[in-house]
Amino acid sequence: MGGLSILWSIIIGLVAGAIAGWIMKGRGFGFIINLIIGLLGSVIGGWIYGLLGFSAHSILGVLLMSVVGAVVLLFVVSLFRKPKA
Protein backbone atom coordinates (compact mmCIF):
# COMPACT_ATOMS: atom_id res chain seq x y z
CA MET A 1 0.00 0.00 0.00
CA GLY A 2 1.48 3.31 -1.02
CA GLY A 3 1.72 6.42 1.11
CA LEU A 4 -1.03 8.17 -0.82
CA SER A 5 -3.43 5.26 -0.23
CA ILE A 6 -2.79 5.43 3.50
CA LEU A 7 -3.37 9.17 3.47
CA TRP A 8 -6.69 8.74 1.63
CA SER A 9 -7.71 6.03 4.10
CA ILE A 10 -7.04 8.36 7.01
CA ILE A 11 -8.91 11.25 5.38
CA ILE A 12 -11.92 9.05 4.57
CA GLY A 13 -11.89 7.65 8.12
CA LEU A 14 -11.88 11.14 9.60
CA VAL A 15 -14.73 12.28 7.36
CA ALA A 16 -16.65 9.10 8.22
CA GLY A 17 -16.22 9.84 11.93
CA ALA A 18 -17.59 13.34 11.48
CA ILE A 19 -20.58 12.06 9.50
CA ALA A 20 -21.23 9.25 12.00
CA GLY A 21 -21.15 11.74 14.88
CA TRP A 22 -23.70 13.85 13.03
CA ILE A 23 -25.93 10.80 12.36
CA MET A 24 -25.70 9.51 15.94
CA LYS A 25 -26.57 12.79 17.68
CA GLY A 26 -26.50 12.35 21.43
CA ARG A 27 -24.43 9.17 21.26
CA GLY A 28 -21.19 10.73 20.15
CA PHE A 29 -18.22 11.61 22.31
CA GLY A 30 -17.17 14.94 20.90
CA PHE A 31 -15.58 15.86 17.61
CA ILE A 32 -12.05 14.54 18.20
CA ILE A 33 -13.14 11.18 19.64
CA ASN A 34 -15.70 10.79 16.85
CA LEU A 35 -12.89 11.27 14.31
CA ILE A 36 -10.84 8.56 16.00
CA ILE A 37 -13.89 6.29 16.06
CA GLY A 38 -14.28 7.04 12.35
CA LEU A 39 -10.78 5.72 11.70
CA LEU A 40 -11.54 2.53 13.61
CA GLY A 41 -14.99 2.39 12.02
CA SER A 42 -13.40 2.26 8.59
CA VAL A 43 -11.77 -1.03 9.51
CA ILE A 44 -14.98 -2.35 11.05
CA GLY A 45 -16.99 -1.25 8.01
CA GLY A 46 -14.62 -3.18 5.75
CA TRP A 47 -15.05 -6.24 7.94
CA ILE A 48 -18.88 -5.92 7.92
CA TYR A 49 -18.92 -5.45 4.15
CA GLY A 50 -16.70 -8.52 3.76
CA LEU A 51 -19.08 -10.60 5.89
CA LEU A 52 -22.03 -9.49 3.77
CA GLY A 53 -20.17 -10.13 0.51
CA PHE A 54 -20.07 -6.48 -0.54
CA SER A 55 -17.09 -4.53 -1.78
CA ALA A 56 -16.44 -0.83 -2.24
CA HIS A 57 -14.55 0.28 -5.32
CA SER A 58 -15.07 4.04 -5.43
CA ILE A 59 -14.27 6.78 -2.96
CA LEU A 60 -17.99 7.24 -2.23
CA GLY A 61 -18.38 3.50 -1.70
CA VAL A 62 -15.47 3.43 0.72
CA LEU A 63 -16.87 6.48 2.50
CA LEU A 64 -20.26 4.80 2.87
CA MET A 65 -18.59 1.64 4.14
CA SER A 66 -16.59 3.68 6.65
CA VAL A 67 -19.65 5.58 7.84
CA VAL A 68 -21.53 2.31 8.39
CA GLY A 69 -18.64 0.97 10.46
CA ALA A 70 -18.29 4.19 12.45
CA VAL A 71 -22.03 4.32 13.21
CA VAL A 72 -21.96 0.71 14.39
CA LEU A 73 -18.90 1.41 16.53
CA LEU A 74 -20.42 4.59 18.01
CA PHE A 75 -23.58 2.67 18.87
CA VAL A 76 -21.69 -0.17 20.57
CA VAL A 77 -19.39 2.18 22.47
CA SER A 78 -22.36 4.31 23.60
CA LEU A 79 -23.91 1.22 25.20
CA PHE A 80 -21.00 1.13 27.64
CA ARG A 81 -21.04 4.82 28.52
CA LYS A 82 -22.32 5.81 31.94
CA PRO A 83 -25.69 7.54 31.82
CA LYS A 84 -25.66 11.18 32.83
CA ALA A 85 -27.05 11.77 36.32
PDB file of N, CA and C in Angstrom:
ATOM      1  N   MET A   1       0.856  -1.173   0.000  1.00  0.00           N
ATOM      2  CA  MET A   1       0.000   0.000   0.000  1.00  0.00           C
ATOM      3  C   MET A   1       0.894   1.225   0.000  1.00  0.00           C
ATOM      4  N   GLY A   2       0.659   2.118  -0.916  1.00  0.00           N
ATOM      5  CA  GLY A   2       1.479   3.314  -1.018  1.00  0.00           C
ATOM      6  C   GLY A   2       1.090   4.361   0.004  1.00  0.00           C
ATOM      7  N   GLY A   3       1.950   5.360   0.146  1.00  0.00           N
ATOM      8  CA  GLY A   3       1.716   6.420   1.110  1.00  0.00           C
ATOM      9  C   GLY A   3       0.460   7.211   0.821  1.00  0.00           C
ATOM     10  N   LEU A   4       0.159   7.418  -0.457  1.00  0.00           N
ATOM     11  CA  LEU A   4      -1.029   8.169  -0.821  1.00  0.00           C
ATOM     12  C   LEU A   4      -2.298   7.395  -0.455  1.00  0.00           C
ATOM     13  N   SER A   5      -2.278   6.082  -0.600  1.00  0.00           N
ATOM     14  CA  SER A   5      -3.431   5.264  -0.225  1.00  0.00           C
ATOM     15  C   SER A   5      -3.686   5.338   1.271  1.00  0.00           C
ATOM     16  N   ILE A   6      -2.642   5.327   2.052  1.00  0.00           N
ATOM     17  CA  ILE A   6      -2.788   5.425   3.501  1.00  0.00           C
ATOM     18  C   ILE A   6      -3.354   6.794   3.864  1.00  0.00           C
ATOM     19  N   LEU A   7      -2.870   7.830   3.215  1.00  0.00           N
ATOM     20  CA  LEU A   7      -3.371   9.174   3.468  1.00  0.00           C
ATOM     21  C   LEU A   7      -4.857   9.276   3.140  1.00  0.00           C
ATOM     22  N   TRP A   8      -5.272   8.718   2.000  1.00  0.00           N
ATOM     23  CA  TRP A   8      -6.689   8.741   1.630  1.00  0.00           C
ATOM     24  C   TRP A   8      -7.514   7.949   2.631  1.00  0.00           C
ATOM     25  N   SER A   9      -7.002   6.828   3.103  1.00  0.00           N
ATOM     26  CA  SER A   9      -7.711   6.028   4.096  1.00  0.00           C
ATOM     27  C   SER A   9      -7.931   6.817   5.379  1.00  0.00           C
ATOM     28  N   ILE A  10      -6.924   7.549   5.793  1.00  0.00           N
ATOM     29  CA  ILE A  10      -7.038   8.363   7.005  1.00  0.00           C
ATOM     30  C   ILE A  10      -8.057   9.484   6.794  1.00  0.00           C
ATOM     31  N   ILE A  11      -7.975  10.157   5.666  1.00  0.00           N
ATOM     32  CA  ILE A  11      -8.912  11.253   5.381  1.00  0.00           C
ATOM     33  C   ILE A  11     -10.348  10.731   5.339  1.00  0.00           C
ATOM     34  N   ILE A  12     -10.571   9.620   4.656  1.00  0.00           N
ATOM     35  CA  ILE A  12     -11.917   9.051   4.570  1.00  0.00           C
ATOM     36  C   ILE A  12     -12.402   8.622   5.948  1.00  0.00           C
ATOM     37  N   GLY A  13     -11.520   8.037   6.762  1.00  0.00           N
ATOM     38  CA  GLY A  13     -11.893   7.646   8.118  1.00  0.00           C
ATOM     39  C   GLY A  13     -12.283   8.840   8.971  1.00  0.00           C
ATOM     40  N   LEU A  14     -11.555   9.935   8.851  1.00  0.00           N
ATOM     41  CA  LEU A  14     -11.877  11.141   9.604  1.00  0.00           C
ATOM     42  C   LEU A  14     -13.220  11.723   9.170  1.00  0.00           C
ATOM     43  N   VAL A  15     -13.453  11.772   7.876  1.00  0.00           N
ATOM     44  CA  VAL A  15     -14.733  12.280   7.364  1.00  0.00           C
ATOM     45  C   VAL A  15     -15.870  11.361   7.820  1.00  0.00           C
ATOM     46  N   ALA A  16     -15.631  10.049   7.783  1.00  0.00           N
ATOM     47  CA  ALA A  16     -16.648   9.095   8.224  1.00  0.00           C
ATOM     48  C   ALA A  16     -16.981   9.298   9.695  1.00  0.00           C
ATOM     49  N   GLY A  17     -15.981   9.575  10.516  1.00  0.00           N
ATOM     50  CA  GLY A  17     -16.221   9.838  11.935  1.00  0.00           C
ATOM     51  C   GLY A  17     -17.065  11.074  12.149  1.00  0.00           C
ATOM     52  N   ALA A  18     -16.800  12.111  11.378  1.00  0.00           N
ATOM     53  CA  ALA A  18     -17.590  13.342  11.482  1.00  0.00           C
ATOM     54  C   ALA A  18     -19.035  13.090  11.059  1.00  0.00           C
ATOM     55  N   ILE A  19     -19.233  12.366   9.973  1.00  0.00           N
ATOM     56  CA  ILE A  19     -20.584  12.060   9.500  1.00  0.00           C
ATOM     57  C   ILE A  19     -21.310  11.162  10.499  1.00  0.00           C
ATOM     58  N   ALA A  20     -20.620  10.158  11.029  1.00  0.00           N
ATOM     59  CA  ALA A  20     -21.234   9.249  11.995  1.00  0.00           C
ATOM     60  C   ALA A  20     -21.631   9.993  13.262  1.00  0.00           C
ATOM     61  N   GLY A  21     -20.807  10.924  13.714  1.00  0.00           N
ATOM     62  CA  GLY A  21     -21.150  11.736  14.876  1.00  0.00           C
ATOM     63  C   GLY A  21     -22.387  12.577  14.622  1.00  0.00           C
ATOM     64  N   TRP A  22     -22.537  13.063  13.407  1.00  0.00           N
ATOM     65  CA  TRP A  22     -23.704  13.850  13.034  1.00  0.00           C
ATOM     66  C   TRP A  22     -24.952  12.962  12.982  1.00  0.00           C
ATOM     67  N   ILE A  23     -24.804  11.743  12.449  1.00  0.00           N
ATOM     68  CA  ILE A  23     -25.927  10.805  12.357  1.00  0.00           C
ATOM     69  C   ILE A  23     -26.373  10.349  13.742  1.00  0.00           C
ATOM     70  N   MET A  24     -25.415  10.073  14.616  1.00  0.00           N
ATOM     71  CA  MET A  24     -25.701   9.515  15.943  1.00  0.00           C
ATOM     72  C   MET A  24     -25.762  10.618  17.001  1.00  0.00           C
ATOM     73  N   LYS A  25     -26.470  11.676  16.738  1.00  0.00           N
ATOM     74  CA  LYS A  25     -26.572  12.791  17.681  1.00  0.00           C
ATOM     75  C   LYS A  25     -26.945  12.275  19.062  1.00  0.00           C
ATOM     76  N   GLY A  26     -26.236  12.760  20.070  1.00  0.00           N
ATOM     77  CA  GLY A  26     -26.500  12.350  21.435  1.00  0.00           C
ATOM     78  C   GLY A  26     -25.764  11.107  21.866  1.00  0.00           C
ATOM     79  N   ARG A  27     -25.185  10.373  20.925  1.00  0.00           N
ATOM     80  CA  ARG A  27     -24.428   9.170  21.264  1.00  0.00           C
ATOM     81  C   ARG A  27     -22.949   9.332  20.984  1.00  0.00           C
ATOM     82  N   GLY A  28     -22.583  10.471  20.458  1.00  0.00           N
ATOM     83  CA  GLY A  28     -21.187  10.728  20.153  1.00  0.00           C
ATOM     84  C   GLY A  28     -20.403  11.114  21.392  1.00  0.00           C
ATOM     85  N   PHE A  29     -19.122  11.319  21.203  1.00  0.00           N
ATOM     86  CA  PHE A  29     -18.217  11.608  22.307  1.00  0.00           C
ATOM     87  C   PHE A  29     -17.450  12.900  22.110  1.00  0.00           C
ATOM     88  N   GLY A  30     -17.898  13.727  21.220  1.00  0.00           N
ATOM     89  CA  GLY A  30     -17.168  14.939  20.899  1.00  0.00           C
ATOM     90  C   GLY A  30     -16.453  14.767  19.570  1.00  0.00           C
ATOM     91  N   PHE A  31     -16.105  15.864  18.978  1.00  0.00           N
ATOM     92  CA  PHE A  31     -15.585  15.861  17.610  1.00  0.00           C
ATOM     93  C   PHE A  31     -14.311  15.033  17.464  1.00  0.00           C
ATOM     94  N   ILE A  32     -13.340  15.228  18.335  1.00  0.00           N
ATOM     95  CA  ILE A  32     -12.047  14.537  18.195  1.00  0.00           C
ATOM     96  C   ILE A  32     -12.210  13.026  18.374  1.00  0.00           C
ATOM     97  N   ILE A  33     -12.941  12.619  19.404  1.00  0.00           N
ATOM     98  CA  ILE A  33     -13.140  11.185  19.637  1.00  0.00           C
ATOM     99  C   ILE A  33     -13.947  10.569  18.499  1.00  0.00           C
ATOM    100  N   ASN A  34     -14.934  11.294  17.988  1.00  0.00           N
ATOM    101  CA  ASN A  34     -15.702  10.789  16.845  1.00  0.00           C
ATOM    102  C   ASN A  34     -14.805  10.586  15.624  1.00  0.00           C
ATOM    103  N   LEU A  35     -13.820  11.453  15.436  1.00  0.00           N
ATOM    104  CA  LEU A  35     -12.888  11.274  14.312  1.00  0.00           C
ATOM    105  C   LEU A  35     -12.059  10.007  14.498  1.00  0.00           C
ATOM    106  N   ILE A  36     -11.608   9.778  15.719  1.00  0.00           N
ATOM    107  CA  ILE A  36     -10.837   8.559  15.999  1.00  0.00           C
ATOM    108  C   ILE A  36     -11.718   7.326  15.803  1.00  0.00           C
ATOM    109  N   ILE A  37     -12.958   7.406  16.264  1.00  0.00           N
ATOM    110  CA  ILE A  37     -13.892   6.294  16.063  1.00  0.00           C
ATOM    111  C   ILE A  37     -14.144   6.081  14.568  1.00  0.00           C
ATOM    112  N   GLY A  38     -14.134   7.160  13.796  1.00  0.00           N
ATOM    113  CA  GLY A  38     -14.278   7.035  12.347  1.00  0.00           C
ATOM    114  C   GLY A  38     -13.139   6.260  11.724  1.00  0.00           C
ATOM    115  N   LEU A  39     -11.930   6.483  12.203  1.00  0.00           N
ATOM    116  CA  LEU A  39     -10.782   5.724  11.703  1.00  0.00           C
ATOM    117  C   LEU A  39     -10.945   4.239  12.010  1.00  0.00           C
ATOM    118  N   LEU A  40     -11.322   3.926  13.242  1.00  0.00           N
ATOM    119  CA  LEU A  40     -11.541   2.526  13.610  1.00  0.00           C
ATOM    120  C   LEU A  40     -12.769   1.962  12.901  1.00  0.00           C
ATOM    121  N   GLY A  41     -13.775   2.808  12.712  1.00  0.00           N
ATOM    122  CA  GLY A  41     -14.986   2.388  12.022  1.00  0.00           C
ATOM    123  C   GLY A  41     -14.739   2.014  10.573  1.00  0.00           C
ATOM    124  N   SER A  42     -13.750   2.615   9.962  1.00  0.00           N
ATOM    125  CA  SER A  42     -13.398   2.257   8.585  1.00  0.00           C
ATOM    126  C   SER A  42     -12.987   0.797   8.503  1.00  0.00           C
ATOM    127  N   VAL A  43     -12.221   0.368   9.475  1.00  0.00           N
ATOM    128  CA  VAL A  43     -11.774  -1.031   9.508  1.00  0.00           C
ATOM    129  C   VAL A  43     -12.973  -1.943   9.771  1.00  0.00           C
ATOM    130  N   ILE A  44     -13.812  -1.550  10.723  1.00  0.00           N
ATOM    131  CA  ILE A  44     -14.984  -2.354  11.054  1.00  0.00           C
ATOM    132  C   ILE A  44     -15.956  -2.402   9.876  1.00  0.00           C
ATOM    133  N   GLY A  45     -16.126  -1.278   9.189  1.00  0.00           N
ATOM    134  CA  GLY A  45     -16.990  -1.248   8.009  1.00  0.00           C
ATOM    135  C   GLY A  45     -16.498  -2.192   6.927  1.00  0.00           C
ATOM    136  N   GLY A  46     -15.186  -2.241   6.726  1.00  0.00           N
ATOM    137  CA  GLY A  46     -14.616  -3.180   5.752  1.00  0.00           C
ATOM    138  C   GLY A  46     -14.890  -4.622   6.146  1.00  0.00           C
ATOM    139  N   TRP A  47     -14.789  -4.898   7.437  1.00  0.00           N
ATOM    140  CA  TRP A  47     -15.051  -6.243   7.939  1.00  0.00           C
ATOM    141  C   TRP A  47     -16.526  -6.611   7.744  1.00  0.00           C
ATOM    142  N   ILE A  48     -17.441  -5.673   8.084  1.00  0.00           N
ATOM    143  CA  ILE A  48     -18.878  -5.917   7.923  1.00  0.00           C
ATOM    144  C   ILE A  48     -19.218  -6.139   6.449  1.00  0.00           C
ATOM    145  N   TYR A  49     -18.669  -5.296   5.586  1.00  0.00           N
ATOM    146  CA  TYR A  49     -18.919  -5.452   4.146  1.00  0.00           C
ATOM    147  C   TYR A  49     -18.420  -6.806   3.657  1.00  0.00           C
ATOM    148  N   GLY A  50     -17.250  -7.217   4.144  1.00  0.00           N
ATOM    149  CA  GLY A  50     -16.703  -8.521   3.760  1.00  0.00           C
ATOM    150  C   GLY A  50     -17.610  -9.660   4.195  1.00  0.00           C
ATOM    151  N   LEU A  51     -18.165  -9.568   5.403  1.00  0.00           N
ATOM    152  CA  LEU A  51     -19.085 -10.602   5.886  1.00  0.00           C
ATOM    153  C   LEU A  51     -20.342 -10.688   5.039  1.00  0.00           C
ATOM    154  N   LEU A  52     -20.811  -9.537   4.578  1.00  0.00           N
ATOM    155  CA  LEU A  52     -22.027  -9.494   3.772  1.00  0.00           C
ATOM    156  C   LEU A  52     -21.768  -9.755   2.288  1.00  0.00           C
ATOM    157  N   GLY A  53     -20.514  -9.856   1.904  1.00  0.00           N
ATOM    158  CA  GLY A  53     -20.172 -10.127   0.514  1.00  0.00           C
ATOM    159  C   GLY A  53     -20.152  -8.901  -0.371  1.00  0.00           C
ATOM    160  N   PHE A  54     -20.137  -7.715   0.228  1.00  0.00           N
ATOM    161  CA  PHE A  54     -20.070  -6.475  -0.542  1.00  0.00           C
ATOM    162  C   PHE A  54     -18.621  -6.040  -0.696  1.00  0.00           C
ATOM    163  N   SER A  55     -18.407  -5.157  -1.656  1.00  0.00           N
ATOM    164  CA  SER A  55     -17.094  -4.533  -1.785  1.00  0.00           C
ATOM    165  C   SER A  55     -17.301  -3.089  -2.249  1.00  0.00           C
ATOM    166  N   ALA A  56     -16.363  -2.251  -1.873  1.00  0.00           N
ATOM    167  CA  ALA A  56     -16.439  -0.835  -2.238  1.00  0.00           C
ATOM    168  C   ALA A  56     -15.273  -0.530  -3.170  1.00  0.00           C
ATOM    169  N   HIS A  57     -15.594   0.031  -4.328  1.00  0.00           N
ATOM    170  CA  HIS A  57     -14.553   0.278  -5.320  1.00  0.00           C
ATOM    171  C   HIS A  57     -14.326   1.755  -5.609  1.00  0.00           C
ATOM    172  N   SER A  58     -15.235   2.606  -5.190  1.00  0.00           N
ATOM    173  CA  SER A  58     -15.068   4.036  -5.431  1.00  0.00           C
ATOM    174  C   SER A  58     -14.865   4.755  -4.106  1.00  0.00           C
ATOM    175  N   ILE A  59     -14.476   5.994  -4.179  1.00  0.00           N
ATOM    176  CA  ILE A  59     -14.270   6.775  -2.957  1.00  0.00           C
ATOM    177  C   ILE A  59     -15.592   6.919  -2.196  1.00  0.00           C
ATOM    178  N   LEU A  60     -16.690   7.141  -2.900  1.00  0.00           N
ATOM    179  CA  LEU A  60     -17.989   7.241  -2.233  1.00  0.00           C
ATOM    180  C   LEU A  60     -18.393   5.912  -1.599  1.00  0.00           C
ATOM    181  N   GLY A  61     -18.090   4.815  -2.261  1.00  0.00           N
ATOM    182  CA  GLY A  61     -18.382   3.497  -1.701  1.00  0.00           C
ATOM    183  C   GLY A  61     -17.584   3.234  -0.440  1.00  0.00           C
ATOM    184  N   VAL A  62     -16.316   3.598  -0.464  1.00  0.00           N
ATOM    185  CA  VAL A  62     -15.466   3.426   0.715  1.00  0.00           C
ATOM    186  C   VAL A  62     -15.934   4.352   1.832  1.00  0.00           C
ATOM    187  N   LEU A  63     -16.346   5.560   1.487  1.00  0.00           N
ATOM    188  CA  LEU A  63     -16.865   6.484   2.498  1.00  0.00           C
ATOM    189  C   LEU A  63     -18.130   5.927   3.135  1.00  0.00           C
ATOM    190  N   LEU A  64     -19.040   5.405   2.335  1.00  0.00           N
ATOM    191  CA  LEU A  64     -20.263   4.804   2.871  1.00  0.00           C
ATOM    192  C   LEU A  64     -19.931   3.622   3.777  1.00  0.00           C
ATOM    193  N   MET A  65     -19.017   2.780   3.343  1.00  0.00           N
ATOM    194  CA  MET A  65     -18.588   1.636   4.142  1.00  0.00           C
ATOM    195  C   MET A  65     -18.004   2.105   5.474  1.00  0.00           C
ATOM    196  N   SER A  66     -17.209   3.138   5.442  1.00  0.00           N
ATOM    197  CA  SER A  66     -16.587   3.678   6.649  1.00  0.00           C
ATOM    198  C   SER A  66     -17.615   4.293   7.584  1.00  0.00           C
ATOM    199  N   VAL A  67     -18.595   4.980   7.025  1.00  0.00           N
ATOM    200  CA  VAL A  67     -19.647   5.584   7.842  1.00  0.00           C
ATOM    201  C   VAL A  67     -20.463   4.488   8.524  1.00  0.00           C
ATOM    202  N   VAL A  68     -20.790   3.431   7.801  1.00  0.00           N
ATOM    203  CA  VAL A  68     -21.531   2.314   8.394  1.00  0.00           C
ATOM    204  C   VAL A  68     -20.747   1.740   9.568  1.00  0.00           C
ATOM    205  N   GLY A  69     -19.469   1.500   9.378  1.00  0.00           N
ATOM    206  CA  GLY A  69     -18.642   0.967  10.456  1.00  0.00           C
ATOM    207  C   GLY A  69     -18.543   1.916  11.636  1.00  0.00           C
ATOM    208  N   ALA A  70     -18.403   3.202  11.367  1.00  0.00           N
ATOM    209  CA  ALA A  70     -18.294   4.187  12.445  1.00  0.00           C
ATOM    210  C   ALA A  70     -19.597   4.314  13.224  1.00  0.00           C
ATOM    211  N   VAL A  71     -20.735   4.265  12.528  1.00  0.00           N
ATOM    212  CA  VAL A  71     -22.033   4.325  13.209  1.00  0.00           C
ATOM    213  C   VAL A  71     -22.206   3.098  14.101  1.00  0.00           C
ATOM    214  N   VAL A  72     -21.872   1.932  13.589  1.00  0.00           N
ATOM    215  CA  VAL A  72     -21.963   0.709  14.392  1.00  0.00           C
ATOM    216  C   VAL A  72     -21.060   0.819  15.614  1.00  0.00           C
ATOM    217  N   LEU A  73     -19.830   1.286  15.417  1.00  0.00           N
ATOM    218  CA  LEU A  73     -18.899   1.413  16.533  1.00  0.00           C
ATOM    219  C   LEU A  73     -19.385   2.444  17.549  1.00  0.00           C
ATOM    220  N   LEU A  74     -19.882   3.585  17.095  1.00  0.00           N
ATOM    221  CA  LEU A  74     -20.425   4.586  18.012  1.00  0.00           C
ATOM    222  C   LEU A  74     -21.596   4.028  18.817  1.00  0.00           C
ATOM    223  N   PHE A  75     -22.449   3.262  18.172  1.00  0.00           N
ATOM    224  CA  PHE A  75     -23.581   2.667  18.870  1.00  0.00           C
ATOM    225  C   PHE A  75     -23.104   1.695  19.949  1.00  0.00           C
ATOM    226  N   VAL A  76     -22.181   0.822  19.600  1.00  0.00           N
ATOM    227  CA  VAL A  76     -21.691  -0.166  20.566  1.00  0.00           C
ATOM    228  C   VAL A  76     -20.971   0.517  21.728  1.00  0.00           C
ATOM    229  N   VAL A  77     -20.128   1.486  21.428  1.00  0.00           N
ATOM    230  CA  VAL A  77     -19.394   2.178  22.474  1.00  0.00           C
ATOM    231  C   VAL A  77     -20.349   2.973  23.367  1.00  0.00           C
ATOM    232  N   SER A  78     -21.401   3.540  22.800  1.00  0.00           N
ATOM    233  CA  SER A  78     -22.357   4.308  23.600  1.00  0.00           C
ATOM    234  C   SER A  78     -23.130   3.420  24.567  1.00  0.00           C
ATOM    235  N   LEU A  79     -23.233   2.138  24.285  1.00  0.00           N
ATOM    236  CA  LEU A  79     -23.908   1.222  25.200  1.00  0.00           C
ATOM    237  C   LEU A  79     -23.147   1.071  26.517  1.00  0.00           C
ATOM    238  N   PHE A  80     -21.838   1.298  26.469  1.00  0.00           N
ATOM    239  CA  PHE A  80     -20.997   1.129  27.642  1.00  0.00           C
ATOM    240  C   PHE A  80     -20.734   2.442  28.383  1.00  0.00           C
ATOM    241  N   ARG A  81     -21.251   3.526  27.869  1.00  0.00           N
ATOM    242  CA  ARG A  81     -21.037   4.817  28.519  1.00  0.00           C
ATOM    243  C   ARG A  81     -21.987   4.972  29.699  1.00  0.00           C
ATOM    244  N   LYS A  82     -21.487   5.570  30.758  1.00  0.00           N
ATOM    245  CA  LYS A  82     -22.317   5.813  31.940  1.00  0.00           C
ATOM    246  C   LYS A  82     -23.419   6.799  31.591  1.00  0.00           C
ATOM    247  N   PRO A  83     -24.640   6.545  32.063  1.00  0.00           N
ATOM    248  CA  PRO A  83     -25.695   7.535  31.821  1.00  0.00           C
ATOM    249  C   PRO A  83     -25.443   8.785  32.654  1.00  0.00           C
ATOM    250  N   LYS A  84     -25.841   9.920  32.121  1.00  0.00           N
ATOM    251  CA  LYS A  84     -25.662  11.177  32.833  1.00  0.00           C
ATOM    252  C   LYS A  84     -26.660  11.255  33.986  1.00  0.00           C
ATOM    253  N   ALA A  85     -26.184  11.718  35.124  1.00  0.00           N
ATOM    254  CA  ALA A  85     -27.052  11.775  36.319  1.00  0.00           C
ATOM    255  C   ALA A  85     -27.888  13.009  36.343  1.00  0.00           C
TER     256      ALA A  85
END
